[in-house]
Amino acid sequence: MASIKDVAARAGVSVATVSRVLNSHPSVSPEARARVLAAVDALGYRPNAVARSLRTDQTRTLGLVISDVLNPYFTELARSVEEEARALGYSVIIGNADERPELQDHHVRTLLDRRIDGLLVSPTDGGSPLMLDAARAGTPMVFVDRWIPGVDVPVVRADGRSAIRDLVAHLYGLGHRRLAIIAGPAATTTGSERVEAFRDALREHRLALPEAYIGHGDFQADSGRRSTEAFLALPEPPEVVFAADNLMALGALDAIRAHGLRVPHDIGLAAFDDIPWFVHTDPPITAIAQPTKELGRAAVRALVDRIEGRPPQSVTLPARLVVRSSCGEHAPTRRSNP
């Protein structure tokens, strides 16, 4: 394996010059830079990342802790983060919290021990002492999608409020009046915010949100199934179920079909977090789409700004309503359980 001294000897320059070229230092002539890069290619030289990190106190590595790798939204977010990081000269180590606070903290602790340069996190709850301590200690950190209120960390997120308002207006225009929501965990900002936005949007149309029409989910399909089972058992079931994430919507669809009911003829279904699958379900599902790729890119740029000494900025991007056929062209015949 070639060493930096071998590269310097082949290029006819000093080891210091090779180091400056490899670290993109401007004080190297174009001719010397070309000779060094040619020697690197000819010898197949690869810098020792560990030695370089000890020398520069940087590993050029970012940590990303996502809430659930099986959720297509977070899969796409991770892909976008990795692509943008690579374009900026960073690698990414990913940890899957699986919506479990203790697993989230395990990944955060492991990543910090590996001396990553910065951390991207989508918190599974609002009170991790480990993350609070890391933020107070000045660890470069950015919250993405979710955040911990009151913590001085930049947040990159989508604003779903206006899209939820558009969804409720769309449903109201179709004639639907009994609207239910399957909420995410109240301990997450997205879980609590989407319920609040839904209730506010209903209020604009003088509609109430009874407690019986609030399903308490956990962003997993099983909770969507259980909540929908409870809705369907009511004397007066809802006309539309709005699931506050895509996996809970798929669970809701399973429950509706298990009861021998059809969407949208018997009950409508809508979801937060549009995914490619929703185009191919029968019927295609109306959903609120977040700008996932843009969120991933913006989160990496904010974190790299923080690492490289530039002031990072919080970013809020709009979500949008994608209307398909799962809520019908008009309200279904209002039915009550016998």
Protein backbone atom coordinates (compact mmCIF):
# COMPACT_ATOMS: atom_id res chain seq x y z
CA MET A 1 0.00 0.00 0.00
CA ALA A 2 1.43 3.32 -1.11
CA SER A 3 2.22 5.94 1.53
CA ILE A 4 2.09 9.72 1.35
CA LYS A 5 5.88 9.69 1.10
CA ASP A 6 5.63 7.50 -2.02
CA VAL A 7 3.22 10.00 -3.58
CA ALA A 8 5.53 12.90 -2.75
CA ALA A 9 8.54 11.11 -4.25
CA ARG A 10 6.71 10.23 -7.48
CA ALA A 11 5.34 13.77 -7.87
CA GLY A 12 8.67 15.39 -7.00
CA VAL A 13 7.20 17.51 -4.21
CA SER A 14 7.29 17.59 -0.42
CA VAL A 15 5.02 15.57 1.84
CA ALA A 16 3.55 18.88 3.03
CA THR A 17 2.58 19.76 -0.55
CA VAL A 18 0.83 16.41 -0.99
CA SER A 19 -1.05 17.03 2.25
CA ARG A 20 -2.15 20.47 1.09
CA VAL A 21 -3.42 19.06 -2.21
CA LEU A 22 -5.36 16.28 -0.46
CA ASN A 23 -6.95 18.83 1.87
CA SER A 24 -7.83 21.21 -1.01
CA HIS A 25 -5.57 23.96 0.31
CA PRO A 26 -5.43 26.91 -2.14
CA SER A 27 -1.69 27.60 -1.75
CA VAL A 28 -0.55 24.99 -4.28
CA SER A 29 0.27 25.77 -7.89
CA PRO A 30 -1.92 24.15 -10.57
CA GLU A 31 1.11 22.31 -11.97
CA ALA A 32 2.11 20.80 -8.59
CA ARG A 33 -1.52 19.89 -7.88
CA ALA A 34 -1.76 18.06 -11.20
CA ARG A 35 1.45 16.11 -10.52
CA VAL A 36 0.27 15.09 -7.06
CA LEU A 37 -3.15 13.95 -8.30
CA ALA A 38 -1.50 11.99 -11.12
CA ALA A 39 0.78 10.27 -8.58
CA VAL A 40 -2.20 9.49 -6.35
CA ASP A 41 -3.98 7.82 -9.28
CA ALA A 42 -0.90 5.94 -10.46
CA LEU A 43 -0.08 4.55 -7.02
CA GLY A 44 -3.67 3.96 -5.92
CA TYR A 45 -2.98 5.96 -2.77
CA ARG A 46 -5.75 6.20 -0.19
CA PRO A 47 -5.33 8.60 2.76
CA ASN A 48 -5.46 7.10 6.23
CA ALA A 49 -8.77 8.44 7.51
CA VAL A 50 -8.00 7.64 11.14
CA ALA A 51 -4.67 9.43 11.09
CA ARG A 52 -6.18 12.38 9.29
CA SER A 53 -9.02 12.66 11.81
CA LEU A 54 -6.53 12.72 14.68
CA ARG A 55 -4.52 15.39 12.89
CA THR A 56 -7.43 17.63 11.89
CA ASP A 57 -9.88 16.71 14.69
CA GLN A 58 -12.43 15.93 11.94
CA THR A 59 -13.64 12.59 10.61
CA ARG A 60 -15.68 13.96 7.67
CA THR A 61 -18.46 11.74 8.97
CA LEU A 62 -22.02 12.62 9.91
CA GLY A 63 -24.40 10.60 12.06
CA LEU A 64 -28.07 10.20 11.16
CA VAL A 65 -30.58 8.68 13.60
CA ILE A 66 -33.97 8.12 11.97
CA SER A 67 -37.16 7.04 13.66
CA ASP A 68 -38.04 3.99 11.55
CA VAL A 69 -36.04 2.67 8.61
CA LEU A 70 -39.05 0.60 7.46
CA ASN A 71 -41.10 3.76 6.96
CA PRO A 72 -40.67 4.76 3.28
CA TYR A 73 -40.62 8.43 4.26
CA PHE A 74 -37.54 7.97 6.45
CA THR A 75 -35.91 5.66 3.90
CA GLU A 76 -36.18 8.39 1.28
CA LEU A 77 -34.99 10.99 3.78
CA ALA A 78 -31.90 8.91 4.60
CA ARG A 79 -31.11 8.48 0.93
CA SER A 80 -31.31 12.22 0.35
CA VAL A 81 -29.09 12.90 3.38
CA GLU A 82 -26.47 10.42 2.15
CA GLU A 83 -26.45 11.89 -1.37
CA GLU A 84 -26.06 15.48 -0.20
CA ALA A 85 -23.41 14.56 2.38
CA ARG A 86 -21.39 12.72 -0.23
CA ALA A 87 -21.58 15.72 -2.55
CA LEU A 88 -20.14 17.87 0.25
CA GLY A 89 -17.33 15.42 1.04
CA TYR A 90 -18.87 13.67 4.06
CA SER A 91 -19.84 10.08 4.81
CA VAL A 92 -22.93 9.12 6.80
CA ILE A 93 -23.47 6.47 9.49
CA ILE A 94 -27.16 5.65 9.97
CA GLY A 95 -28.88 4.38 13.12
CA ASN A 96 -32.49 3.14 13.19
CA ALA A 97 -34.32 4.02 16.41
CA ASP A 98 -37.38 1.92 15.51
CA GLU A 99 -39.53 4.51 17.36
CA ARG A 100 -37.88 3.46 20.66
CA PRO A 101 -36.27 6.20 22.79
CA GLU A 102 -33.78 3.80 24.40
CA LEU A 103 -32.59 2.59 20.98
CA GLN A 104 -32.35 6.17 19.78
CA ASP A 105 -30.06 7.04 22.70
CA HIS A 106 -27.95 3.94 22.06
CA HIS A 107 -27.29 5.10 18.50
CA VAL A 108 -26.61 8.69 19.55
CA ARG A 109 -24.12 7.52 22.19
CA THR A 110 -22.38 5.17 19.74
CA LEU A 111 -22.09 7.85 17.07
CA LEU A 112 -20.68 10.40 19.51
CA ASP A 113 -18.13 7.82 20.70
CA ARG A 114 -17.03 7.40 17.08
CA ARG A 115 -16.17 11.10 16.93
CA ILE A 116 -18.58 12.04 14.17
CA ASP A 117 -18.39 15.67 13.12
CA GLY A 118 -22.12 16.29 13.49
CA LEU A 119 -25.46 14.64 14.17
CA LEU A 120 -28.83 14.64 12.42
CA VAL A 121 -31.70 13.31 14.54
CA SER A 122 -35.43 12.80 14.15
CA PRO A 123 -36.30 12.48 17.86
CA THR A 124 -38.59 9.68 19.00
CA ASP A 125 -39.65 11.71 22.04
CA GLY A 126 -39.21 15.14 23.55
CA GLY A 127 -37.01 14.48 26.54
CA SER A 128 -33.82 12.52 25.89
CA PRO A 129 -31.30 13.68 28.55
CA LEU A 130 -28.47 12.42 26.34
CA MET A 131 -29.46 14.63 23.42
CA LEU A 132 -30.15 17.58 25.70
CA ASP A 133 -26.66 17.21 27.18
CA ALA A 134 -25.10 16.86 23.73
CA ALA A 135 -26.84 20.02 22.54
CA ARG A 136 -25.76 21.97 25.62
CA ALA A 137 -22.18 20.75 25.15
CA GLY A 138 -22.11 22.31 21.69
CA THR A 139 -22.23 19.13 19.62
CA PRO A 140 -23.06 20.17 16.03
CA MET A 141 -26.62 18.92 15.68
CA VAL A 142 -29.70 19.45 13.54
CA PHE A 143 -33.20 18.09 14.15
CA VAL A 144 -34.94 16.88 11.00
CA ASP A 145 -38.70 16.27 10.62
CA ARG A 146 -39.24 16.23 14.40
CA TRP A 147 -37.64 18.33 17.09
CA ILE A 148 -37.38 18.86 20.84
CA PRO A 149 -39.11 22.12 21.85
CA GLY A 150 -37.00 24.56 23.81
CA VAL A 151 -33.66 23.11 22.70
CA ASP A 152 -31.39 25.53 20.84
CA VAL A 153 -30.79 23.30 17.81
CA PRO A 154 -31.67 24.17 14.19
CA VAL A 155 -34.75 22.37 12.87
CA VAL A 156 -35.39 21.33 9.28
CA ARG A 157 -39.01 20.32 8.83
CA ALA A 158 -42.14 20.53 6.72
CA ASP A 159 -45.13 22.61 7.74
CA GLY A 160 -48.15 20.38 7.33
CA ARG A 161 -50.71 22.76 8.80
CA SER A 162 -51.79 24.39 5.56
CA ALA A 163 -51.95 21.01 3.79
CA ILE A 164 -54.12 19.58 6.60
CA ARG A 165 -56.37 22.63 6.27
CA ASP A 166 -56.60 21.94 2.52
CA LEU A 167 -57.44 18.29 3.22
CA VAL A 168 -60.28 19.15 5.61
CA ALA A 169 -61.65 21.73 3.16
CA HIS A 170 -61.54 19.09 0.42
CA LEU A 171 -63.39 16.56 2.58
CA TYR A 172 -65.93 19.14 3.67
CA GLY A 173 -66.54 20.07 0.04
CA LEU A 174 -67.27 16.42 -0.74
CA GLY A 175 -69.95 16.49 1.94
CA HIS A 176 -68.10 14.60 4.68
CA ARG A 177 -68.84 15.74 8.22
CA ARG A 178 -67.71 12.93 10.53
CA LEU A 179 -63.92 13.01 10.29
CA ALA A 180 -61.58 10.96 12.48
CA ILE A 181 -57.80 10.99 12.92
CA ILE A 182 -55.29 8.31 13.85
CA ALA A 183 -52.68 10.36 15.69
CA GLY A 184 -49.03 9.62 16.28
CA PRO A 185 -47.44 9.57 19.75
CA ALA A 186 -48.18 12.73 21.71
CA ALA A 187 -44.54 12.74 22.89
CA THR A 188 -43.41 13.57 19.34
CA THR A 189 -43.85 17.02 17.85
CA THR A 190 -45.31 15.62 14.64
CA GLY A 191 -47.76 13.47 16.61
CA SER A 192 -49.15 16.36 18.64
CA GLU A 193 -48.93 18.99 15.89
CA ARG A 194 -50.96 17.04 13.33
CA VAL A 195 -53.83 16.44 15.76
CA GLU A 196 -53.86 20.11 16.71
CA ALA A 197 -53.82 21.20 13.06
CA PHE A 198 -56.63 18.76 12.23
CA ARG A 199 -58.78 20.00 15.12
CA ASP A 200 -58.17 23.64 14.14
CA ALA A 201 -59.10 22.92 10.52
CA LEU A 202 -62.31 21.20 11.60
CA ARG A 203 -63.17 24.17 13.80
CA GLU A 204 -62.95 26.46 10.76
CA HIS A 205 -65.87 24.47 9.31
CA ARG A 206 -67.72 24.36 12.65
CA LEU A 207 -67.01 20.66 13.02
CA ALA A 208 -66.03 18.99 16.28
CA LEU A 209 -63.44 16.32 16.92
CA PRO A 210 -64.95 13.99 19.54
CA GLU A 211 -62.52 12.00 21.66
CA ALA A 212 -63.97 8.82 20.13
CA TYR A 213 -62.74 10.04 16.73
CA ILE A 214 -59.12 10.31 17.90
CA GLY A 215 -57.12 7.10 17.54
CA HIS A 216 -53.94 6.96 19.60
CA GLY A 217 -51.34 5.43 17.30
CA ASP A 218 -47.58 5.01 17.31
CA PHE A 219 -46.69 5.55 13.63
CA GLN A 220 -46.86 1.76 13.08
CA ALA A 221 -49.34 -0.19 10.93
CA ASP A 222 -50.76 -2.22 13.83
CA SER A 223 -51.87 0.92 15.64
CA GLY A 224 -53.63 2.12 12.50
CA ARG A 225 -55.44 -1.20 12.32
CA ARG A 226 -56.48 -1.11 15.98
CA SER A 227 -57.67 2.49 15.85
CA THR A 228 -59.76 1.83 12.76
CA GLU A 229 -61.30 -1.25 14.37
CA ALA A 230 -62.37 0.99 17.25
CA PHE A 231 -63.81 3.59 14.86
CA LEU A 232 -65.83 0.97 12.98
CA ALA A 233 -67.29 -0.37 16.23
CA LEU A 234 -68.82 3.00 17.10
CA PRO A 235 -72.61 3.45 16.85
CA GLU A 236 -71.85 6.25 14.39
CA PRO A 237 -68.53 5.51 12.64
CA PRO A 238 -66.60 8.29 10.90
CA GLU A 239 -67.08 8.92 7.20
CA VAL A 240 -63.35 9.47 6.66
CA VAL A 241 -60.29 8.31 8.58
CA PHE A 242 -57.18 10.50 8.35
CA ALA A 243 -54.04 8.62 9.36
CA ALA A 244 -51.21 10.87 10.55
CA ASP A 245 -48.59 8.77 8.77
CA ASN A 246 -48.37 6.31 5.89
CA LEU A 247 -47.87 3.07 7.83
CA MET A 248 -50.91 3.75 10.02
CA ALA A 249 -52.91 4.41 6.83
CA LEU A 250 -51.97 0.98 5.49
CA GLY A 251 -53.07 -0.57 8.79
CA ALA A 252 -56.35 1.32 8.55
CA LEU A 253 -56.89 0.01 5.02
CA ASP A 254 -56.36 -3.55 6.25
CA ALA A 255 -58.99 -3.08 8.98
CA ILE A 256 -61.51 -1.59 6.57
CA ARG A 257 -61.12 -4.51 4.17
CA ALA A 258 -61.28 -7.04 7.00
CA HIS A 259 -64.76 -5.67 7.79
CA GLY A 260 -65.85 -6.24 4.22
CA LEU A 261 -66.06 -2.51 3.57
CA ARG A 262 -64.87 -0.64 0.50
CA VAL A 263 -62.90 2.57 0.19
CA PRO A 264 -64.30 5.10 -0.61
CA HIS A 265 -67.84 3.70 -1.07
CA ASP A 266 -68.33 2.86 2.61
CA ILE A 267 -65.62 4.96 4.28
CA GLY A 268 -62.96 7.38 3.06
CA LEU A 269 -59.24 7.21 3.86
CA ALA A 270 -56.47 9.84 3.73
CA ALA A 271 -52.91 9.94 5.03
CA PHE A 272 -50.04 12.18 6.00
CA ASP A 273 -46.71 11.33 4.25
CA ASP A 274 -47.34 10.40 0.65
CA ILE A 275 -45.43 7.35 -0.62
CA PRO A 276 -45.16 5.74 -4.07
CA TRP A 277 -47.29 2.78 -2.93
CA PHE A 278 -50.34 5.01 -2.54
CA VAL A 279 -50.63 5.38 -6.32
CA HIS A 280 -50.94 1.60 -6.65
CA THR A 281 -53.39 0.82 -3.84
CA ASP A 282 -57.02 0.18 -4.70
CA PRO A 283 -58.15 2.89 -4.64
CA PRO A 284 -55.18 5.30 -4.80
CA ILE A 285 -54.93 7.11 -1.47
CA THR A 286 -55.28 10.86 -0.98
CA ALA A 287 -52.24 12.00 0.98
CA ILE A 288 -50.22 14.95 2.20
CA ALA A 289 -46.78 14.94 0.59
CA GLN A 290 -43.70 16.28 2.30
CA PRO A 291 -40.72 17.55 0.24
CA THR A 292 -38.58 14.68 1.55
CA LYS A 293 -35.57 15.06 -0.73
CA GLU A 294 -35.38 18.80 -0.14
CA LEU A 295 -35.62 18.25 3.63
CA GLY A 296 -32.69 15.82 3.57
CA ARG A 297 -30.53 18.17 1.53
CA ALA A 298 -31.39 21.19 3.67
CA ALA A 299 -30.65 19.28 6.88
CA VAL A 300 -27.17 18.28 5.67
CA ARG A 301 -26.38 21.82 4.53
CA ALA A 302 -27.47 23.25 7.89
CA LEU A 303 -25.33 20.73 9.76
CA VAL A 304 -22.26 21.30 7.58
CA ASP A 305 -22.66 25.05 8.07
CA ARG A 306 -22.60 24.43 11.83
CA ILE A 307 -19.54 22.16 11.56
CA GLU A 308 -17.60 24.55 9.33
CA GLY A 309 -18.29 27.62 11.45
CA ARG A 310 -21.07 29.25 9.47
CA PRO A 311 -24.35 30.19 11.20
CA PRO A 312 -26.84 27.37 10.57
CA GLN A 313 -30.41 28.19 9.66
CA SER A 314 -33.63 26.42 10.59
CA VAL A 315 -35.67 25.59 7.48
CA THR A 316 -39.43 25.08 7.13
CA LEU A 317 -40.75 23.86 3.78
CA PRO A 318 -44.42 23.54 2.79
CA ALA A 319 -46.20 20.20 2.49
CA ARG A 320 -48.94 19.79 -0.12
CA LEU A 321 -52.17 17.88 -0.55
CA VAL A 322 -52.29 15.22 -3.30
CA VAL A 323 -55.92 14.40 -4.08
CA ARG A 324 -56.69 10.89 -5.32
CA SER A 325 -59.85 8.80 -5.19
CA SER A 326 -59.83 7.32 -1.68
CA CYS A 327 -62.24 9.88 -0.26
CA GLY A 328 -64.74 9.65 -3.11
CA GLU A 329 -66.40 12.19 -5.31
CA HIS A 330 -69.12 12.78 -2.73
CA ALA A 331 -69.89 11.69 0.81
CA PRO A 332 -70.89 8.03 1.22
CA THR A 333 -74.33 7.21 2.49
CA ARG A 334 -74.18 7.96 6.20
CA ARG A 335 -74.50 4.73 8.06
CA SER A 336 -74.72 3.73 11.71
CA ASN A 337 -74.03 0.38 13.26
CA PRO A 338 -77.22 -1.48 14.20
